[in-house]
């Protein structure tokens, strides 16, 4: 008989390193699924549903109402300007200080809503909300990339896409006309930001003291990340200050030039080893911004239920989470094909029942979620941050385009009844769908062409 005691370890005990990684991954997942919705939900503006109540509360005359609508729409321009700045800060100083700053700004902007009693203060609060949201997004992306997990990357893509699809329907459902309290339109949902703050604390506890860092950023990388800042800021300025006073044709021109500029930035970055992605992530981010929020927002204004949009969001997350099990060469063209098919089906659909659009929206969610997740899979953190900086300018460009097209139809048709006005708005939206489908085809061709070139001439990253 042996004199030595048995030394076998319990079979169910995980090695400390693996257990630590799993806890850290869980914390990152919780943060991703709460912080991204909290940030994107500040994008939609439902003030149009509470204009009478807001005008009475603020003692506004009819000529002053456009100023109110301009102020409440400042969140998206502030967000898209904040993203590249926060991306540089997250790489230079680390994601945690940037995330804390973004959450503090977002919570402050949401918490100050009951105190708003003037148009300037309205604009200030919405700007703070947008800046906080734009600061959160890059910090969250960097934290996901620190894990180097395909599943977490897919979850990030799915959460971003699904929230872009669902944000406008949820906001419009939370602020139905006529709403007695106009302040609700400034912050329809506050609890996601609180949940994100709780998830941040949970992430800190689950992460522990381990060092999870990416390679330090270089001066060249920071310069590339700032490249979208000037065109984005210029576009935001035109969209907020000048475009509302211009004709629908001039507004449409601004939107078209913005889309062309974004495409130029993406193609330029594709040739760079720092900001470029082997799968054309920047181009896919532009497609995601154009096809999600600018499509579901106008649809939600006429739909009686949010359930089809919930289905679209669920399929977007599901499509993204299936991407790690499909090669990018197959997933990206498949996702594009599904999204383009969905846009075509929505264009041709006659929504007689609330569920007529359920299948097209499910295709749209699956396609956009799958394509974005697949394009992010082999992308380095710098290229992912650069691509994220192009997503929300695309959202604003699409939103400006569809609103200008609808305004042009209203001017051309001179509707006299609510039914005629609805028909004019639908006609403008259908023009946008046709244009969005054509743009998606161009982006798909450019993405696939870049992916083939990258595969034929791989570069170290």
Protein backbone atom coordinates (compact mmCIF):
# COMPACT_ATOMS: atom_id res chain seq x y z
CA UNK A 1 0.00 0.00 0.00
CA UNK A 2 1.28 3.46 -0.95
CA UNK A 3 2.34 5.81 1.82
CA UNK A 4 1.37 8.88 -0.25
CA UNK A 5 -2.08 10.46 -0.05
CA UNK A 6 -4.04 10.75 -3.27
CA UNK A 7 -3.46 14.07 -5.06
CA UNK A 8 -6.29 14.10 -7.60
CA UNK A 9 -8.16 17.42 -7.97
CA UNK A 10 -11.93 17.69 -8.27
CA UNK A 11 -12.94 17.28 -11.90
CA UNK A 12 -15.48 20.11 -11.78
CA UNK A 13 -13.09 22.83 -10.58
CA UNK A 14 -12.08 25.31 -13.28
CA UNK A 15 -8.50 26.56 -13.38
CA UNK A 16 -8.32 30.00 -11.76
CA UNK A 17 -7.35 31.65 -15.05
CA UNK A 18 -10.28 30.17 -16.93
CA UNK A 19 -12.76 31.00 -14.16
CA UNK A 20 -11.48 34.57 -14.10
CA UNK A 21 -11.86 34.88 -17.86
CA UNK A 22 -15.41 33.55 -17.74
CA UNK A 23 -16.41 36.00 -15.03
CA UNK A 24 -14.84 38.86 -16.95
CA UNK A 25 -16.63 37.77 -20.14
CA UNK A 26 -19.94 37.65 -18.29
CA UNK A 27 -19.41 41.14 -16.97
CA UNK A 28 -18.57 42.40 -20.46
CA UNK A 29 -21.68 40.75 -21.87
CA UNK A 30 -23.90 42.37 -19.23
CA UNK A 31 -22.36 45.75 -19.96
CA UNK A 32 -22.79 45.33 -23.72
CA UNK A 33 -26.45 44.36 -23.46
CA UNK A 34 -27.26 47.36 -21.25
CA UNK A 35 -24.88 50.17 -22.26
CA UNK A 36 -25.55 49.99 -26.00
CA UNK A 37 -29.36 50.24 -25.67
CA UNK A 38 -28.98 53.04 -23.12
CA UNK A 39 -26.83 54.99 -25.58
CA UNK A 40 -28.83 54.38 -28.77
CA UNK A 41 -32.20 55.14 -27.13
CA UNK A 42 -31.29 58.84 -26.93
CA UNK A 43 -31.17 59.05 -30.73
CA UNK A 44 -34.91 59.16 -31.61
CA UNK A 45 -36.88 62.36 -31.07
CA UNK A 46 -40.61 62.06 -30.36
CA UNK A 47 -41.19 65.76 -29.60
CA UNK A 48 -43.45 66.07 -32.65
CA UNK A 49 -46.06 64.11 -30.66
CA UNK A 50 -46.04 66.63 -27.79
CA UNK A 51 -45.71 69.94 -29.63
CA UNK A 52 -49.02 71.42 -28.33
CA UNK A 53 -48.19 70.58 -24.72
CA UNK A 54 -44.61 71.82 -25.08
CA UNK A 55 -45.71 75.05 -26.75
CA UNK A 56 -48.19 75.74 -23.94
CA UNK A 57 -45.67 74.92 -21.21
CA UNK A 58 -42.91 77.06 -22.74
CA UNK A 59 -45.27 79.81 -23.95
CA UNK A 60 -44.09 79.44 -27.55
CA UNK A 61 -45.68 81.07 -30.58
CA UNK A 62 -46.04 79.12 -33.82
CA UNK A 63 -42.87 80.62 -35.42
CA UNK A 64 -40.87 79.46 -32.38
CA UNK A 65 -41.88 75.79 -32.63
CA UNK A 66 -39.21 74.92 -35.24
CA UNK A 67 -36.59 76.17 -32.79
CA UNK A 68 -37.91 73.73 -30.20
CA UNK A 69 -37.76 70.85 -32.68
CA UNK A 70 -34.21 71.83 -33.61
CA UNK A 71 -33.21 71.82 -29.93
CA UNK A 72 -34.75 68.42 -29.21
CA UNK A 73 -32.97 66.95 -32.23
CA UNK A 74 -29.48 67.79 -30.97
CA UNK A 75 -28.82 64.40 -29.37
CA UNK A 76 -27.84 62.58 -32.58
CA UNK A 77 -25.48 65.31 -33.88
CA UNK A 78 -23.83 65.49 -30.46
CA UNK A 79 -23.48 61.71 -30.39
CA UNK A 80 -21.80 61.40 -33.77
CA UNK A 81 -19.30 64.16 -32.92
CA UNK A 82 -18.49 62.57 -29.55
CA UNK A 83 -17.76 59.08 -30.92
CA UNK A 84 -14.37 59.77 -32.61
CA UNK A 85 -13.22 61.91 -29.69
CA UNK A 86 -14.17 59.21 -27.20
CA UNK A 87 -12.51 56.57 -29.40
CA UNK A 88 -9.19 58.38 -29.17
CA UNK A 89 -9.59 58.90 -25.42
CA UNK A 90 -10.48 55.24 -24.83
CA UNK A 91 -7.32 54.13 -26.62
CA UNK A 92 -5.13 56.79 -25.02
CA UNK A 93 -6.36 56.68 -21.42
CA UNK A 94 -8.21 53.36 -21.26
CA UNK A 95 -11.92 52.56 -21.55
CA UNK A 96 -12.91 52.83 -17.89
CA UNK A 97 -12.48 56.60 -17.36
CA UNK A 98 -14.20 57.23 -20.70
CA UNK A 99 -17.08 54.90 -19.82
CA UNK A 100 -17.51 56.56 -16.41
CA UNK A 101 -17.55 60.02 -18.02
CA UNK A 102 -20.11 58.93 -20.60
CA UNK A 103 -22.41 57.34 -18.05
CA UNK A 104 -22.18 60.40 -15.80
CA UNK A 105 -23.08 62.68 -18.71
CA UNK A 106 -25.96 60.46 -19.85
CA UNK A 107 -27.42 60.12 -16.36
CA UNK A 108 -27.07 63.87 -15.81
CA UNK A 109 -28.84 64.64 -19.08
CA UNK A 110 -31.66 62.25 -18.29
CA UNK A 111 -32.00 63.33 -14.68
CA UNK A 112 -32.17 67.03 -15.57
CA UNK A 113 -35.19 66.60 -17.85
CA UNK A 114 -37.81 67.60 -15.22
CA UNK A 115 -35.96 70.90 -14.71
CA UNK A 116 -36.19 71.95 -18.36
CA UNK A 117 -38.28 75.11 -18.73
CA UNK A 118 -36.90 76.79 -21.87
CA UNK A 119 -35.80 76.01 -25.40
CA UNK A 120 -32.06 76.69 -24.73
CA UNK A 121 -32.14 74.38 -21.71
CA UNK A 122 -33.91 71.77 -23.83
CA UNK A 123 -31.10 71.88 -26.35
CA UNK A 124 -28.48 71.71 -23.60
CA UNK A 125 -30.02 68.63 -22.02
CA UNK A 126 -30.36 66.81 -25.32
CA UNK A 127 -26.77 67.70 -26.25
CA UNK A 128 -25.51 66.31 -22.94
CA UNK A 129 -27.49 63.12 -23.51
CA UNK A 130 -26.05 62.69 -26.99
CA UNK A 131 -22.49 63.45 -25.89
CA UNK A 132 -22.77 60.94 -23.06
CA UNK A 133 -24.14 58.28 -25.38
CA UNK A 134 -21.41 58.93 -27.93
CA UNK A 135 -18.78 58.58 -25.21
CA UNK A 136 -20.19 55.27 -23.96
CA UNK A 137 -20.17 53.47 -27.31
CA UNK A 138 -16.39 53.47 -28.05
CA UNK A 139 -15.52 52.65 -24.44
CA UNK A 140 -17.84 49.66 -24.55
CA UNK A 141 -16.32 48.53 -27.84
CA UNK A 142 -12.79 48.66 -26.42
CA UNK A 143 -13.86 46.62 -23.39
CA UNK A 144 -15.35 44.00 -25.70
CA UNK A 145 -12.20 43.87 -27.83
CA UNK A 146 -10.08 43.35 -24.70
CA UNK A 147 -11.75 39.96 -24.26
CA UNK A 148 -10.75 38.81 -27.78
CA UNK A 149 -13.93 36.71 -27.89
CA UNK A 150 -15.85 36.09 -31.15
CA UNK A 151 -19.07 35.60 -29.18
CA UNK A 152 -18.72 38.93 -27.36
CA UNK A 153 -17.89 40.67 -30.62
CA UNK A 154 -21.02 39.18 -32.15
CA UNK A 155 -23.04 40.24 -29.11
CA UNK A 156 -21.79 43.81 -29.54
CA UNK A 157 -22.82 43.82 -33.20
CA UNK A 158 -26.19 42.28 -32.38
CA UNK A 159 -26.93 44.69 -29.55
CA UNK A 160 -26.01 47.70 -31.70
CA UNK A 161 -28.06 46.57 -34.69
CA UNK A 162 -31.10 45.46 -32.73
CA UNK A 163 -31.24 48.72 -30.76
CA UNK A 164 -30.92 50.79 -33.94
CA UNK A 165 -33.89 48.87 -35.33
CA UNK A 166 -35.99 49.14 -32.17
CA UNK A 167 -35.12 52.56 -30.74
CA UNK A 168 -37.57 54.65 -32.78
CA UNK A 169 -40.56 52.28 -32.39
CA UNK A 170 -40.02 52.09 -28.63
CA UNK A 171 -39.68 55.86 -28.31
CA UNK A 172 -42.81 56.58 -30.34
CA UNK A 173 -44.74 53.97 -28.35
CA UNK A 174 -43.64 55.59 -25.08
CA UNK A 175 -44.76 59.06 -26.18
CA UNK A 176 -48.11 58.62 -27.97
CA UNK A 177 -49.92 61.78 -29.09
CA UNK A 178 -51.27 63.69 -27.37
CA UNK A 179 -49.02 63.34 -24.30
CA UNK A 180 -49.89 65.61 -21.36
CA UNK A 181 -46.30 65.81 -20.06
CA UNK A 182 -44.02 67.01 -22.83
CA UNK A 183 -40.92 66.30 -20.74
CA UNK A 184 -41.42 62.59 -21.39
CA UNK A 185 -40.35 63.09 -24.99
CA UNK A 186 -36.91 64.25 -23.78
CA UNK A 187 -36.25 61.02 -21.88
CA UNK A 188 -38.78 58.27 -22.67
CA UNK A 189 -36.59 55.59 -21.09
CA UNK A 190 -34.32 56.31 -18.15
CA UNK A 191 -34.01 52.82 -16.69
CA UNK A 192 -31.59 51.49 -19.39
CA UNK A 193 -29.00 54.07 -18.31
CA UNK A 194 -29.44 53.03 -14.68
CA UNK A 195 -29.12 49.38 -15.72
CA UNK A 196 -25.92 50.23 -17.60
CA UNK A 197 -24.48 51.89 -14.49
CA UNK A 198 -25.32 48.80 -12.43
CA UNK A 199 -23.80 46.55 -15.10
CA UNK A 200 -20.64 48.67 -15.03
CA UNK A 201 -20.26 48.08 -11.30
CA UNK A 202 -20.96 44.38 -11.78
CA UNK A 203 -18.35 44.25 -14.53
CA UNK A 204 -15.75 45.81 -12.23
CA UNK A 205 -16.47 43.14 -9.61
CA UNK A 206 -16.48 40.25 -12.08
CA UNK A 207 -13.40 41.51 -13.88
CA UNK A 208 -11.27 41.46 -10.77
CA UNK A 209 -7.74 42.81 -10.64
CA UNK A 210 -6.43 41.09 -13.72
CA UNK A 211 -4.75 43.22 -16.36
CA UNK A 212 -6.87 43.16 -19.52
CA UNK A 213 -5.35 45.64 -21.91
CA UNK A 214 -4.89 46.03 -25.63
CA UNK A 215 -1.60 47.10 -27.20
CA UNK A 216 -1.01 50.82 -26.59
CA UNK A 217 -2.19 53.20 -29.25
CA UNK A 218 0.23 54.98 -31.50
CA UNK A 219 0.17 58.53 -32.78
CA UNK A 220 -0.73 57.30 -36.27
CA UNK A 221 -3.69 55.36 -34.91
CA UNK A 222 -5.04 58.35 -33.02
CA UNK A 223 -4.77 60.46 -36.15
CA UNK A 224 -6.74 57.89 -38.14
CA UNK A 225 -9.45 57.72 -35.48
CA UNK A 226 -9.87 61.49 -35.64
CA UNK A 227 -10.21 61.46 -39.43
CA UNK A 228 -14.07 61.30 -39.40
CA UNK A 229 -14.35 64.12 -36.85
CA UNK A 230 -14.19 67.15 -39.15
CA UNK A 231 -16.60 65.87 -41.83
CA UNK A 232 -18.96 64.55 -39.15
CA UNK A 233 -18.93 67.86 -37.30
CA UNK A 234 -19.52 69.78 -40.53
CA UNK A 235 -22.40 67.54 -41.49
CA UNK A 236 -23.91 67.80 -38.00
CA UNK A 237 -23.68 71.59 -38.21
CA UNK A 238 -25.48 71.68 -41.55
CA UNK A 239 -28.11 69.21 -40.39
CA UNK A 240 -28.90 71.20 -37.25
CA UNK A 241 -28.33 74.84 -38.11
CA UNK A 242 -28.85 75.26 -41.83
CA UNK A 243 -30.75 72.32 -43.28
CA UNK A 244 -34.08 72.85 -41.42
CA UNK A 245 -34.40 76.28 -43.01
CA UNK A 246 -33.55 75.00 -46.50
CA UNK A 247 -35.83 73.54 -49.13
CA UNK A 248 -36.35 69.76 -49.22
CA UNK A 249 -34.13 69.60 -52.31
CA UNK A 250 -31.28 71.35 -50.52
CA UNK A 251 -31.68 69.08 -47.49
CA UNK A 252 -31.58 66.03 -49.74
CA UNK A 253 -28.42 67.35 -51.34
CA UNK A 254 -26.77 67.67 -47.93
CA UNK A 255 -27.75 64.08 -47.09
CA UNK A 256 -26.48 62.76 -50.43
CA UNK A 257 -23.15 64.57 -50.08
CA UNK A 258 -22.78 63.17 -46.55
CA UNK A 259 -23.34 59.61 -47.79
CA UNK A 260 -20.79 60.11 -50.58
CA UNK A 261 -18.28 61.53 -48.08
CA UNK A 262 -18.80 58.56 -45.74
CA UNK A 263 -18.26 56.16 -48.62
CA UNK A 264 -15.06 58.01 -49.53
CA UNK A 265 -13.78 57.80 -45.95
CA UNK A 266 -14.54 54.09 -45.77
CA UNK A 267 -12.80 53.34 -49.06
CA UNK A 268 -9.79 55.44 -48.07
CA UNK A 269 -9.51 53.69 -44.71
CA UNK A 270 -9.83 50.29 -46.35
CA UNK A 271 -6.34 50.73 -47.81
CA UNK A 272 -4.81 51.59 -44.43
CA UNK A 273 -3.40 48.90 -42.14
CA UNK A 274 -4.58 50.78 -39.03
CA UNK A 275 -8.15 51.82 -39.87
CA UNK A 276 -8.78 49.20 -42.55
CA UNK A 277 -10.57 45.91 -42.05
CA UNK A 278 -10.11 42.73 -44.11
CA UNK A 279 -13.90 42.37 -44.37
CA UNK A 280 -14.76 46.00 -45.10
CA UNK A 281 -16.23 46.76 -41.70
CA UNK A 282 -16.42 50.52 -42.34
CA UNK A 283 -18.62 49.97 -45.39
CA UNK A 284 -20.84 47.59 -43.44
CA UNK A 285 -21.21 50.12 -40.62
CA UNK A 286 -22.45 52.69 -43.14
CA UNK A 287 -24.96 50.18 -44.48
CA UNK A 288 -26.10 49.38 -40.95
CA UNK A 289 -26.67 53.03 -40.14
CA UNK A 290 -28.58 53.68 -43.36
CA UNK A 291 -30.81 50.60 -43.34
CA UNK A 292 -31.88 50.38 -39.70
CA UNK A 293 -33.08 53.54 -37.91
CA UNK A 294 -34.03 55.52 -41.06
CA UNK A 295 -36.20 52.55 -42.14
CA UNK A 296 -37.94 51.56 -38.92
CA UNK A 297 -38.52 55.15 -37.74
CA UNK A 298 -40.99 56.12 -40.49
CA UNK A 299 -42.58 52.66 -40.36
CA UNK A 300 -43.17 52.96 -36.62
CA UNK A 301 -45.05 56.23 -37.15
CA UNK A 302 -47.75 54.34 -39.06
CA UNK A 303 -47.73 50.93 -37.37
CA UNK A 304 -50.18 50.25 -34.54
CA UNK A 305 -47.92 47.78 -32.70
CA UNK A 306 -44.24 47.45 -31.93
CA UNK A 307 -44.24 43.65 -32.09
CA UNK A 308 -42.86 43.39 -35.67
CA UNK A 309 -39.99 45.66 -34.65
CA UNK A 310 -39.31 43.55 -31.56
CA UNK A 311 -39.11 40.56 -33.89
CA UNK A 312 -36.65 42.45 -36.10
CA UNK A 313 -34.47 43.27 -33.08
CA UNK A 314 -34.55 39.66 -31.88
CA UNK A 315 -33.54 38.33 -35.30
CA UNK A 316 -30.74 40.90 -35.51
CA UNK A 317 -29.26 39.59 -32.26
CA UNK A 318 -29.79 36.00 -33.36
CA UNK A 319 -28.20 36.64 -36.76
CA UNK A 320 -25.20 38.26 -35.13
CA UNK A 321 -24.72 35.40 -32.67
CA UNK A 322 -24.73 32.84 -35.49
CA UNK A 323 -21.94 34.65 -37.34
CA UNK A 324 -19.03 32.99 -35.45
CA UNK A 325 -20.15 29.65 -36.87
CA UNK A 326 -20.22 30.83 -40.51
CA UNK A 327 -17.25 31.98 -42.55
CA UNK A 328 -17.14 35.70 -43.22
CA UNK A 329 -16.91 35.00 -46.96
CA UNK A 330 -20.36 33.39 -46.77
CA UNK A 331 -21.96 35.47 -44.00
CA UNK A 332 -21.38 38.95 -45.44
CA UNK A 333 -22.94 38.40 -48.90
CA UNK A 334 -25.76 36.41 -47.31
CA UNK A 335 -26.48 39.20 -44.85
CA UNK A 336 -26.43 41.83 -47.58
CA UNK A 337 -28.78 39.72 -49.71
CA UNK A 338 -31.23 39.35 -46.83
CA UNK A 339 -31.16 43.09 -46.07
CA UNK A 340 -31.67 44.11 -49.71
CA UNK A 341 -34.49 41.58 -50.06
CA UNK A 342 -36.10 43.01 -46.94
CA UNK A 343 -35.92 46.59 -48.21
CA UNK A 344 -37.48 45.49 -51.51
CA UNK A 345 -40.25 43.60 -49.70
CA UNK A 346 -41.07 46.59 -47.49
CA UNK A 347 -41.20 48.78 -50.60
CA UNK A 348 -43.65 46.43 -52.33
CA UNK A 349 -45.70 45.53 -49.24
CA UNK A 350 -49.25 46.77 -48.68
CA UNK A 351 -49.53 46.83 -44.87
CA UNK A 352 -53.17 45.88 -44.36
CA UNK A 353 -52.46 44.19 -41.02
CA UNK A 354 -49.86 44.88 -38.33
CA UNK A 355 -48.02 41.66 -39.16
CA UNK A 356 -47.64 42.25 -42.90
CA UNK A 357 -44.16 43.69 -42.34
CA UNK A 358 -43.09 41.07 -39.80
CA UNK A 359 -41.27 38.84 -42.30
CA UNK A 360 -39.46 41.67 -44.14
CA UNK A 361 -38.38 43.23 -40.85
CA UNK A 362 -37.15 39.85 -39.63
CA UNK A 363 -35.09 39.52 -42.82
CA UNK A 364 -33.76 43.05 -42.31
CA UNK A 365 -32.75 42.31 -38.73
CA UNK A 366 -31.10 38.99 -39.61
CA UNK A 367 -29.25 40.46 -42.56
CA UNK A 368 -27.88 43.55 -40.85
CA UNK A 369 -26.95 41.71 -37.65
CA UNK A 370 -25.22 38.88 -39.51
CA UNK A 371 -23.30 41.19 -41.85
CA UNK A 372 -22.06 43.53 -39.13
CA UNK A 373 -20.97 40.74 -36.80
CA UNK A 374 -19.15 38.89 -39.58
CA UNK A 375 -17.33 42.04 -40.71
CA UNK A 376 -16.19 42.78 -37.16
CA UNK A 377 -14.82 39.29 -36.50
CA UNK A 378 -11.30 39.78 -37.89
CA UNK A 379 -11.16 43.54 -37.36
CA UNK A 380 -8.61 45.10 -35.03
CA UNK A 381 -9.75 47.57 -32.40
CA UNK A 382 -8.61 50.64 -34.32
CA UNK A 383 -10.53 49.66 -37.45
CA UNK A 384 -13.61 48.80 -35.37
CA UNK A 385 -13.54 52.21 -33.66
CA UNK A 386 -13.05 53.98 -36.99
CA UNK A 387 -15.99 52.07 -38.46
CA UNK A 388 -18.17 52.91 -35.46
CA UNK A 389 -17.44 56.60 -36.12
CA UNK A 390 -19.11 56.23 -39.53
CA UNK A 391 -22.25 54.45 -38.36
CA UNK A 392 -24.10 57.34 -36.74
CA UNK A 393 -23.33 59.92 -39.43
CA UNK A 394 -24.96 57.39 -41.76
CA UNK A 395 -27.96 57.26 -39.42
CA UNK A 396 -28.26 61.05 -39.53
CA UNK A 397 -27.81 61.14 -43.31
CA UNK A 398 -30.53 58.55 -43.80
CA UNK A 399 -32.84 60.33 -41.40
CA UNK A 400 -32.31 63.67 -43.16
CA UNK A 401 -32.85 62.05 -46.55
CA UNK A 402 -36.15 60.39 -45.66
CA UNK A 403 -37.49 63.51 -43.95
CA UNK A 404 -36.58 65.69 -46.93
CA UNK A 405 -38.22 63.25 -49.34
CA UNK A 406 -41.39 63.22 -47.26
CA UNK A 407 -41.37 67.02 -47.04
CA UNK A 408 -41.00 67.22 -50.81
CA UNK A 409 -44.05 64.99 -51.29
CA UNK A 410 -46.08 67.11 -48.87
CA UNK A 411 -45.16 70.23 -50.83
CA UNK A 412 -45.99 68.60 -54.16
CA UNK A 413 -49.30 67.00 -53.20
CA UNK A 414 -50.78 69.67 -50.87
CA UNK A 415 -52.79 67.16 -48.80
CA UNK A 416 -56.09 68.40 -47.36
CA UNK A 417 -56.99 65.46 -45.11
CA UNK A 418 -55.11 63.24 -42.69
CA UNK A 419 -55.44 60.31 -45.11
CA UNK A 420 -53.94 62.35 -47.93
CA UNK A 421 -51.12 63.51 -45.66
CA UNK A 422 -50.38 59.91 -44.71
CA UNK A 423 -50.31 58.93 -48.39
CA UNK A 424 -47.83 61.73 -49.14
CA UNK A 425 -45.58 60.63 -46.29
CA UNK A 426 -45.72 57.04 -47.52
CA UNK A 427 -44.80 58.14 -51.04
CA UNK A 428 -41.74 59.95 -49.73
CA UNK A 429 -40.77 56.94 -47.63
CA UNK A 430 -41.07 54.65 -50.66
CA UNK A 431 -38.68 56.87 -52.60
CA UNK A 432 -36.24 56.55 -49.71
CA UNK A 433 -36.60 52.75 -49.69
CA UNK A 434 -35.80 52.60 -53.40
CA UNK A 435 -32.74 54.81 -52.86
CA UNK A 436 -31.64 52.85 -49.78
CA UNK A 437 -31.89 49.59 -51.70
CA UNK A 438 -29.72 51.00 -54.48
CA UNK A 439 -27.17 52.33 -51.97
CA UNK A 440 -27.11 48.94 -50.24
CA UNK A 441 -26.30 47.24 -53.55
CA UNK A 442 -23.40 49.65 -54.09
CA UNK A 443 -22.11 49.10 -50.54
CA UNK A 444 -22.42 45.33 -50.91
CA UNK A 445 -20.43 45.38 -54.15
CA UNK A 446 -17.75 47.62 -52.60
CA UNK A 447 -17.54 45.43 -49.49
CA UNK A 448 -17.18 42.19 -51.44
CA UNK A 449 -14.64 43.74 -53.80
CA UNK A 450 -12.55 44.94 -50.86
CA UNK A 451 -12.80 41.54 -49.14
CA UNK A 452 -11.53 39.78 -52.28
CA UNK A 453 -8.61 42.19 -52.55
CA UNK A 454 -7.79 41.77 -48.86
CA UNK A 455 -7.86 37.99 -49.20
CA UNK A 456 -5.58 38.10 -52.25
CA UNK A 457 -3.12 40.51 -50.60
CA UNK A 458 -3.19 39.90 -46.82
CA UNK A 459 -1.41 42.49 -44.70
CA UNK A 460 -0.13 42.13 -41.13
CA UNK A 461 -2.31 43.85 -38.55
